[in-house]
PDB file of N, CA and C in Angstrom:
ATOM      1  N   MET A   1     174.661 173.926 191.002  1.00  0.00           N
ATOM      2  CA  MET A   1     172.911 174.601 190.834  1.00  0.00           C
ATOM      3  C   MET A   1     173.599 175.580 189.599  1.00  0.00           C
ATOM      4  N   ILE A   2     172.832 175.881 188.625  1.00  0.00           N
ATOM      5  CA  ILE A   2     172.695 176.572 187.616  1.00  0.00           C
ATOM      6  C   ILE A   2     172.716 178.034 188.004  1.00  0.00           C
ATOM      7  N   PRO A   3     172.667 178.929 187.979  1.00  0.00           N
ATOM      8  CA  PRO A   3     172.417 180.506 188.050  1.00  0.00           C
ATOM      9  C   PRO A   3     171.338 180.481 186.736  1.00  0.00           C
ATOM     10  N   ILE A   4     170.297 181.582 187.805  1.00  0.00           N
ATOM     11  CA  ILE A   4     169.400 182.090 186.947  1.00  0.00           C
ATOM     12  C   ILE A   4     170.059 183.006 186.172  1.00  0.00           C
ATOM     13  N   THR A   5     169.864 183.084 184.996  1.00  0.00           N
ATOM     14  CA  THR A   5     170.529 184.757 184.397  1.00  0.00           C
ATOM     15  C   THR A   5     169.092 185.685 183.353  1.00  0.00           C
ATOM     16  N   ASN A   6     167.669 185.106 183.560  1.00  0.00           N
ATOM     17  CA  ASN A   6     167.150 185.656 183.628  1.00  0.00           C
ATOM     18  C   ASN A   6     165.844 186.257 184.456  1.00  0.00           C
ATOM     19  N   SER A   7     165.924 187.502 184.599  1.00  0.00           N
ATOM     20  CA  SER A   7     164.876 187.969 185.648  1.00  0.00           C
ATOM     21  C   SER A   7     163.727 187.221 185.562  1.00  0.00           C
ATOM     22  N   PHE A   8     163.632 187.536 184.563  1.00  0.00           N
ATOM     23  CA  PHE A   8     161.414 186.663 184.541  1.00  0.00           C
ATOM     24  C   PHE A   8     162.091 185.736 185.090  1.00  0.00           C
ATOM     25  N   ASP A   9     162.441 185.037 185.408  1.00  0.00           N
ATOM     26  CA  ASP A   9     162.696 183.324 185.922  1.00  0.00           C
ATOM     27  C   ASP A   9     162.314 183.999 187.523  1.00  0.00           C
ATOM     28  N   LEU A  10     162.922 184.723 187.450  1.00  0.00           N
ATOM     29  CA  LEU A  10     163.173 184.827 189.326  1.00  0.00           C
ATOM     30  C   LEU A  10     161.085 184.960 189.498  1.00  0.00           C
ATOM     31  N   ILE A  11     160.370 186.116 188.735  1.00  0.00           N
ATOM     32  CA  ILE A  11     158.952 186.486 188.723  1.00  0.00           C
ATOM     33  C   ILE A  11     158.527 185.089 188.765  1.00  0.00           C
ATOM     34  N   VAL A  12     158.843 184.656 187.577  1.00  0.00           N
ATOM     35  CA  VAL A  12     158.463 183.163 187.265  1.00  0.00           C
ATOM     36  C   VAL A  12     158.114 182.193 189.072  1.00  0.00           C
ATOM     37  N   LEU A  13     159.507 182.403 189.068  1.00  0.00           N
ATOM     38  CA  LEU A  13     159.569 181.921 190.054  1.00  0.00           C
ATOM     39  C   LEU A  13     158.510 181.724 191.410  1.00  0.00           C
ATOM     40  N   ARG A  14     158.454 183.044 191.655  1.00  0.00           N
ATOM     41  CA  ARG A  14     158.266 184.003 192.831  1.00  0.00           C
ATOM     42  C   ARG A  14     156.521 183.717 192.096  1.00  0.00           C
ATOM     43  N   CYS A  15     155.505 183.070 191.509  1.00  0.00           N
ATOM     44  CA  CYS A  15     154.746 183.524 191.455  1.00  0.00           C
ATOM     45  C   CYS A  15     154.037 181.716 190.980  1.00  0.00           C
ATOM     46  N   LEU A  16     155.144 181.118 190.996  1.00  0.00           N
ATOM     47  CA  LEU A  16     155.124 179.476 191.045  1.00  0.00           C
ATOM     48  C   LEU A  16     154.820 179.555 192.564  1.00  0.00           C
ATOM     49  N   SER A  17     155.622 179.691 193.445  1.00  0.00           N
ATOM     50  CA  SER A  17     155.271 179.490 195.545  1.00  0.00           C
ATOM     51  C   SER A  17     154.569 180.330 195.517  1.00  0.00           C
ATOM     52  N   LYS A  18     153.850 181.380 194.624  1.00  0.00           N
ATOM     53  CA  LYS A  18     152.050 182.045 196.108  1.00  0.00           C
ATOM     54  C   LYS A  18     151.076 181.326 195.532  1.00  0.00           C
ATOM     55  N   SER A  19     151.039 180.137 194.591  1.00  0.00           N
ATOM     56  CA  SER A  19     150.165 178.805 194.066  1.00  0.00           C
ATOM     57  C   SER A  19     151.066 177.371 194.578  1.00  0.00           C
ATOM     58  N   GLU A  20     149.922 176.679 193.920  1.00  0.00           N
ATOM     59  CA  GLU A  20     150.710 174.356 194.764  1.00  0.00           C
ATOM     60  C   GLU A  20     150.883 174.714 192.670  1.00  0.00           C
ATOM     61  N   SER A  21     150.580 175.115 192.072  1.00  0.00           N
ATOM     62  CA  SER A  21     150.461 174.639 190.431  1.00  0.00           C
ATOM     63  C   SER A  21     150.146 176.059 189.008  1.00  0.00           C
ATOM     64  N   SER A  22     151.136 176.251 188.242  1.00  0.00           N
ATOM     65  CA  SER A  22     150.610 176.861 187.362  1.00  0.00           C
ATOM     66  C   SER A  22     150.363 176.571 186.091  1.00  0.00           C
ATOM     67  N   ASN A  23     150.424 177.107 185.113  1.00  0.00           N
ATOM     68  CA  ASN A  23     150.390 176.689 183.415  1.00  0.00           C
ATOM     69  C   ASN A  23     151.094 178.061 182.825  1.00  0.00           C
ATOM     70  N   ALA A  24     151.151 178.273 181.702  1.00  0.00           N
ATOM     71  CA  ALA A  24     152.472 179.496 180.927  1.00  0.00           C
ATOM     72  C   ALA A  24     151.371 180.068 180.084  1.00  0.00           C
ATOM     73  N   SER A  25     149.851 179.502 180.212  1.00  0.00           N
ATOM     74  CA  SER A  25     148.829 180.570 179.744  1.00  0.00           C
ATOM     75  C   SER A  25     148.356 181.700 180.957  1.00  0.00           C
ATOM     76  N   GLU A  26     148.513 181.149 182.686  1.00  0.00           N
ATOM     77  CA  GLU A  26     148.184 182.013 183.058  1.00  0.00           C
ATOM     78  C   GLU A  26     149.275 182.609 184.535  1.00  0.00           C
ATOM     79  N   ILE A  27     150.136 182.431 183.673  1.00  0.00           N
ATOM     80  CA  ILE A  27     151.454 183.064 184.620  1.00  0.00           C
ATOM     81  C   ILE A  27     151.345 184.737 182.640  1.00  0.00           C
ATOM     82  N   ALA A  28     151.248 183.623 182.189  1.00  0.00           N
ATOM     83  CA  ALA A  28     151.724 185.140 180.519  1.00  0.00           C
ATOM     84  C   ALA A  28     150.319 185.958 180.515  1.00  0.00           C
ATOM     85  N   GLU A  29     149.179 185.834 181.321  1.00  0.00           N
ATOM     86  CA  GLU A  29     148.106 187.043 180.545  1.00  0.00           C
ATOM     87  C   GLU A  29     148.487 187.459 182.771  1.00  0.00           C
ATOM     88  N   ARG A  30     148.889 186.779 183.744  1.00  0.00           N
ATOM     89  CA  ARG A  30     149.510 187.473 184.928  1.00  0.00           C
ATOM     90  C   ARG A  30     151.116 188.930 184.786  1.00  0.00           C
ATOM     91  N   PHE A  31     150.524 188.276 184.013  1.00  0.00           N
ATOM     92  CA  PHE A  31     151.974 189.487 183.903  1.00  0.00           C
ATOM     93  C   PHE A  31     152.580 190.592 182.138  1.00  0.00           C
ATOM     94  N   ASP A  32     151.233 189.830 181.302  1.00  0.00           N
ATOM     95  CA  ASP A  32     151.392 190.566 179.850  1.00  0.00           C
ATOM     96  C   ASP A  32     152.640 189.858 179.785  1.00  0.00           C
ATOM     97  N   ARG A  33     152.764 189.212 179.004  1.00  0.00           N
ATOM     98  CA  ARG A  33     154.149 188.464 178.621  1.00  0.00           C
ATOM     99  C   ARG A  33     152.540 187.242 176.685  1.00  0.00           C
ATOM    100  N   SER A  34     153.732 186.542 176.507  1.00  0.00           N
ATOM    101  CA  SER A  34     153.749 186.452 175.460  1.00  0.00           C
ATOM    102  C   SER A  34     153.207 184.454 175.893  1.00  0.00           C
ATOM    103  N   ARG A  35     152.203 183.560 176.069  1.00  0.00           N
ATOM    104  CA  ARG A  35     152.647 182.429 176.495  1.00  0.00           C
ATOM    105  C   ARG A  35     153.376 181.730 175.523  1.00  0.00           C
ATOM    106  N   PRO A  36     153.676 181.376 174.544  1.00  0.00           N
ATOM    107  CA  PRO A  36     154.713 181.163 173.972  1.00  0.00           C
ATOM    108  C   PRO A  36     156.159 181.097 174.620  1.00  0.00           C
ATOM    109  N   TYR A  37     156.864 182.527 175.561  1.00  0.00           N
ATOM    110  CA  TYR A  37     157.388 183.080 175.880  1.00  0.00           C
ATOM    111  C   TYR A  37     157.743 182.851 176.824  1.00  0.00           C
ATOM    112  N   VAL A  38     156.207 182.699 177.939  1.00  0.00           N
ATOM    113  CA  VAL A  38     156.486 181.956 179.411  1.00  0.00           C
ATOM    114  C   VAL A  38     156.752 180.711 178.757  1.00  0.00           C
ATOM    115  N   ARG A  39     156.213 179.523 178.514  1.00  0.00           N
ATOM    116  CA  ARG A  39     156.358 178.548 178.216  1.00  0.00           C
ATOM    117  C   ARG A  39     157.955 178.259 178.177  1.00  0.00           C
ATOM    118  N   THR A  40     158.677 178.928 177.484  1.00  0.00           N
ATOM    119  CA  THR A  40     160.241 179.193 176.428  1.00  0.00           C
ATOM    120  C   THR A  40     160.638 179.128 177.980  1.00  0.00           C
ATOM    121  N   ARG A  41     160.567 179.526 179.113  1.00  0.00           N
ATOM    122  CA  ARG A  41     161.551 180.526 180.278  1.00  0.00           C
ATOM    123  C   ARG A  41     161.523 179.019 181.160  1.00  0.00           C
ATOM    124  N   LEU A  42     159.340 178.576 180.830  1.00  0.00           N
ATOM    125  CA  LEU A  42     159.244 177.298 181.899  1.00  0.00           C
ATOM    126  C   LEU A  42     159.871 176.580 181.870  1.00  0.00           C
ATOM    127  N   ILE A  43     159.795 176.118 180.508  1.00  0.00           N
ATOM    128  CA  ILE A  43     160.833 174.701 179.679  1.00  0.00           C
ATOM    129  C   ILE A  43     162.770 175.306 180.533  1.00  0.00           C
ATOM    130  N   THR A  44     162.888 175.918 179.950  1.00  0.00           N
ATOM    131  CA  THR A  44     164.346 176.073 180.155  1.00  0.00           C
ATOM    132  C   THR A  44     164.299 175.821 181.884  1.00  0.00           C
ATOM    133  N   LEU A  45     163.692 175.942 182.887  1.00  0.00           N
ATOM    134  CA  LEU A  45     163.664 176.893 183.870  1.00  0.00           C
ATOM    135  C   LEU A  45     164.053 174.943 184.828  1.00  0.00           C
ATOM    136  N   ALA A  46     162.256 174.426 183.964  1.00  0.00           N
ATOM    137  CA  ALA A  46     162.729 172.453 184.386  1.00  0.00           C
ATOM    138  C   ALA A  46     163.828 171.499 183.995  1.00  0.00           C
ATOM    139  N   GLU A  47     164.040 172.256 183.048  1.00  0.00           N
ATOM    140  CA  GLU A  47     165.980 171.912 182.595  1.00  0.00           C
ATOM    141  C   GLU A  47     167.116 172.172 183.629  1.00  0.00           C
ATOM    142  N   THR A  48     167.084 173.450 184.050  1.00  0.00           N
ATOM    143  CA  THR A  48     167.844 173.214 184.730  1.00  0.00           C
ATOM    144  C   THR A  48     167.612 172.796 186.074  1.00  0.00           C
ATOM    145  N   GLY A  49     166.313 172.589 186.410  1.00  0.00           N
ATOM    146  CA  GLY A  49     166.442 171.661 188.601  1.00  0.00           C
ATOM    147  C   GLY A  49     165.102 172.561 188.502  1.00  0.00           C
ATOM    148  N   TYR A  50     164.652 173.840 188.423  1.00  0.00           N
ATOM    149  CA  TYR A  50     164.347 175.279 189.058  1.00  0.00           C
ATOM    150  C   TYR A  50     162.693 174.834 189.614  1.00  0.00           C
ATOM    151  N   VAL A  51     161.602 174.137 188.444  1.00  0.00           N
ATOM    152  CA  VAL A  51     160.567 173.611 187.996  1.00  0.00           C
ATOM    153  C   VAL A  51     161.023 172.380 187.668  1.00  0.00           C
ATOM    154  N   ARG A  52     159.279 172.005 188.449  1.00  0.00           N
ATOM    155  CA  ARG A  52     159.602 169.858 187.788  1.00  0.00           C
ATOM    156  C   ARG A  52     157.467 170.339 186.642  1.00  0.00           C
ATOM    157  N   THR A  53     157.176 169.543 185.868  1.00  0.00           N
ATOM    158  CA  THR A  53     155.825 170.163 185.011  1.00  0.00           C
ATOM    159  C   THR A  53     155.397 168.742 185.901  1.00  0.00           C
ATOM    160  N   ILE A  54     153.690 169.176 185.282  1.00  0.00           N
ATOM    161  CA  ILE A  54     152.304 168.373 186.236  1.00  0.00           C
ATOM    162  C   ILE A  54     151.828 167.675 184.818  1.00  0.00           C
ATOM    163  N   GLY A  55     151.071 166.780 184.403  1.00  0.00           N
ATOM    164  CA  GLY A  55     151.266 166.677 183.404  1.00  0.00           C
ATOM    165  C   GLY A  55     151.507 165.529 182.373  1.00  0.00           C
ATOM    166  N   VAL A  56     150.806 165.064 181.608  1.00  0.00           N
ATOM    167  CA  VAL A  56     151.977 164.496 180.244  1.00  0.00           C
ATOM    168  C   VAL A  56     151.419 165.260 179.028  1.00  0.00           C
ATOM    169  N   ASN A  57     149.895 166.328 178.995  1.00  0.00           N
ATOM    170  CA  ASN A  57     150.602 166.739 177.971  1.00  0.00           C
ATOM    171  C   ASN A  57     150.339 167.861 178.346  1.00  0.00           C
ATOM    172  N   PRO A  58     151.707 167.828 176.777  1.00  0.00           N
ATOM    173  CA  PRO A  58     152.178 170.066 176.567  1.00  0.00           C
ATOM    174  C   PRO A  58     151.854 170.641 176.730  1.00  0.00           C
ATOM    175  N   ARG A  59     150.619 170.642 175.306  1.00  0.00           N
ATOM    176  CA  ARG A  59     150.072 171.840 175.955  1.00  0.00           C
ATOM    177  C   ARG A  59     149.348 172.610 176.463  1.00  0.00           C
ATOM    178  N   PHE A  60     148.592 171.759 178.052  1.00  0.00           N
ATOM    179  CA  PHE A  60     148.110 171.556 179.184  1.00  0.00           C
ATOM    180  C   PHE A  60     149.074 171.580 180.780  1.00  0.00           C
ATOM    181  N   GLN A  61     150.499 171.182 180.427  1.00  0.00           N
ATOM    182  CA  GLN A  61     151.850 170.904 181.282  1.00  0.00           C
ATOM    183  C   GLN A  61     150.648 172.038 182.678  1.00  0.00           C
ATOM    184  N   ALA A  62     151.131 172.056 184.195  1.00  0.00           N
ATOM    185  CA  ALA A  62     151.401 172.594 185.126  1.00  0.00           C
ATOM    186  C   ALA A  62     152.534 172.464 185.435  1.00  0.00           C
ATOM    187  N   TYR A  63     152.995 173.709 186.023  1.00  0.00           N
ATOM    188  CA  TYR A  63     154.258 173.528 186.709  1.00  0.00           C
ATOM    189  C   TYR A  63     153.851 173.559 188.176  1.00  0.00           C
ATOM    190  N   GLU A  64     155.046 173.496 189.048  1.00  0.00           N
ATOM    191  CA  GLU A  64     155.392 173.445 190.357  1.00  0.00           C
ATOM    192  C   GLU A  64     156.911 173.495 190.887  1.00  0.00           C
ATOM    193  N   LEU A  65     157.415 174.669 192.059  1.00  0.00           N
ATOM    194  CA  LEU A  65     158.689 174.252 192.386  1.00  0.00           C
ATOM    195  C   LEU A  65     159.219 173.135 192.890  1.00  0.00           C
ATOM    196  N   THR A  66     160.572 173.041 192.345  1.00  0.00           N
ATOM    197  CA  THR A  66     161.182 171.934 193.226  1.00  0.00           C
ATOM    198  C   THR A  66     161.848 172.580 194.567  1.00  0.00           C
ATOM    199  N   PRO A  67     161.985 171.667 195.753  1.00  0.00           N
ATOM    200  CA  PRO A  67     163.185 171.559 196.221  1.00  0.00           C
ATOM    201  C   PRO A  67     163.644 173.093 195.782  1.00  0.00           C
ATOM    202  N   MET A  68     164.660 173.054 195.330  1.00  0.00           N
ATOM    203  CA  MET A  68     165.456 174.067 194.554  1.00  0.00           C
ATOM    204  C   MET A  68     165.099 175.280 194.345  1.00  0.00           C
ATOM    205  N   GLY A  69     164.736 175.292 193.537  1.00  0.00           N
ATOM    206  CA  GLY A  69     163.189 176.661 192.944  1.00  0.00           C
ATOM    207  C   GLY A  69     162.281 177.033 194.036  1.00  0.00           C
ATOM    208  N   ALA A  70     162.225 176.502 194.856  1.00  0.00           N
ATOM    209  CA  ALA A  70     161.839 177.054 196.377  1.00  0.00           C
ATOM    210  C   ALA A  70     163.011 177.903 197.036  1.00  0.00           C
ATOM    211  N   ALA A  71     164.267 177.462 197.178  1.00  0.00           N
ATOM    212  CA  ALA A  71     165.540 177.702 197.632  1.00  0.00           C
ATOM    213  C   ALA A  71     165.674 179.149 197.740  1.00  0.00           C
ATOM    214  N   VAL A  72     165.391 179.263 195.573  1.00  0.00           N
ATOM    215  CA  VAL A  72     165.847 180.285 195.180  1.00  0.00           C
ATOM    216  C   VAL A  72     164.680 181.388 195.507  1.00  0.00           C
ATOM    217  N   VAL A  73     163.517 181.110 195.480  1.00  0.00           N
ATOM    218  CA  VAL A  73     162.634 182.458 195.839  1.00  0.00           C
ATOM    219  C   VAL A  73     162.508 182.350 197.502  1.00  0.00           C
ATOM    220  N   ARG A  74     163.863 181.801 198.576  1.00  0.00           N
ATOM    221  CA  ARG A  74     163.534 181.418 199.836  1.00  0.00           C
ATOM    222  C   ARG A  74     164.734 182.732 199.944  1.00  0.00           C
ATOM    223  N   ARG A  75     165.694 182.962 198.871  1.00  0.00           N
ATOM    224  CA  ARG A  75     166.818 183.734 199.026  1.00  0.00           C
ATOM    225  C   ARG A  75     166.073 184.802 198.694  1.00  0.00           C
ATOM    226  N   VAL A  76     165.308 185.585 196.993  1.00  0.00           N
ATOM    227  CA  VAL A  76     165.971 185.990 196.514  1.00  0.00           C
ATOM    228  C   VAL A  76     164.306 186.890 197.843  1.00  0.00           C
ATOM    229  N   ASN A  77     163.180 185.987 198.358  1.00  0.00           N
ATOM    230  CA  ASN A  77     161.953 187.283 199.147  1.00  0.00           C
ATOM    231  C   ASN A  77     163.218 187.806 199.661  1.00  0.00           C
ATOM    232  N   ALA A  78     164.041 186.673 200.983  1.00  0.00           N
ATOM    233  CA  ALA A  78     164.832 188.009 201.593  1.00  0.00           C
ATOM    234  C   ALA A  78     165.732 189.230 201.778  1.00  0.00           C
ATOM    235  N   VAL A  79     166.451 189.188 199.984  1.00  0.00           N
ATOM    236  CA  VAL A  79     167.233 190.665 199.528  1.00  0.00           C
ATOM    237  C   VAL A  79     165.500 191.398 199.749  1.00  0.00           C
ATOM    238  N   VAL A  80     164.465 190.900 199.475  1.00  0.00           N
ATOM    239  CA  VAL A  80     163.215 191.568 198.701  1.00  0.00           C
ATOM    240  C   VAL A  80     162.887 192.984 199.874  1.00  0.00           C
ATOM    241  N   ASP A  81     162.702 191.815 200.795  1.00  0.00           N
ATOM    242  CA  ASP A  81     161.955 191.681 202.160  1.00  0.00           C
ATOM    243  C   ASP A  81     162.861 193.195 203.077  1.00  0.00           C
ATOM    244  N   SER A  82     164.551 192.643 203.358  1.00  0.00           N
ATOM    245  CA  SER A  82     165.058 193.121 203.692  1.00  0.00           C
ATOM    246  C   SER A  82     165.785 195.564 203.662  1.00  0.00           C
TER     247      SER A  82
END
């Protein structure tokens, strides 16, 4: 497992855990970040296996957690909730 070094990546993973899927624009709007920045973070998370893409058109891709991404969210939530 590749460690997550960007704290915003954890925010993105937690956001994806609360919805079935989401795209960069929705996440960017929710957290007041630029869409290109969020898209870059999502691409990095996909390359490292924490999320996967849904759809074939890069401009309209949605993302969802992989089992590995869901495990990270469970661990983060356990720490936050304790």
